[in-house]
Amino acid sequence: MGYVSLGRSEQLKDIYIKGKVDPLGIHANPDALEETKRLQNIFDQRIQSLNEKKDNFWRISYLNVRALKGKIMDVSKDNSLMDADVFALGETWLEPGESVSFDGYEGHFANHGKGKGVAAFSKMKSTQLNSVTSDTFSVITLRTEKFDTIFLYISSGCSKIEVFKYLEKCIDKERPTAIMGDTNMDFLKECKLNEFLENKGFQQLVQCATRESGSLIDHAYANEALRSLNITTEQCSAYYSDHDVITISIPK
């Protein structure tokens, strides 16, 4: 009963034990200890892999965080995001003028209140070329010395033509460019955004569902100039979101 009760809490600060606890009365099943060691080994290998990638790759990541202010601590402990050179968070719910910060990153914000908005964070020397936010979509375009990244969050029911017109202005055909974000358009079904970007020379890199519902609405596109750099992609779950983190790695 104690194990089940404690397992319901996501943070230590949420646990209060009344009375005294005798540590001698707590025992771990040997099979559970072996499983813990196995999982720890997997975790250590994952960290080693991430450290190697930090030395050899620039990493760009995106996650729909759904209300950022309540999840700042979770984001700051997420290795998939904190090991990125540039990352963005969608559906931030930040009000105009609000901001949050993460150590070592410069923040850029396109806020539009509850259920909307996107924020980008960069360790690299970068310039914000433009941004826009509205009731239907938010976009931030960052430029580094090596590549451009367009981060977006598109609300369901958004006018596709409005988004396409704005992206037309953002895309520099001569630059290696990634477009990443929650599009609220399922790539596994008919997807107008994919059709539009394919005509611009972009390719969708994510092929597996990115949400617990089984839909693939978090997209990562790369144009030919970026794909020619032998990029790779990955996705991993975030316990504090029902979306996956999607990442593009670019060899240095």
Foldseek 3Di string as FASTA:
>chain_A
DVVVVVVVDPDPVVDDDPDDDDPVVDDDDPVVVVVVVVVVVVVVVVVVVLVVLLVWWAKEKEEAQQACVVCVVLQQPDCNNVSHQKYKYWQNQDPPPDDDDHPQWDKDWAHDHGRGIMMMIHNADKDFPDWYDDPAKIWTWIDHPAAIEIEMEGDPPHDPVVVLVVVVVVDDLVGWYKYWYQHVAFPVDDDPVQVSVVVVQKDWQDDFDFFPVGGNRTTMITHPVQVVQVKHKDWDPRPSHRGIMIMIIGTD
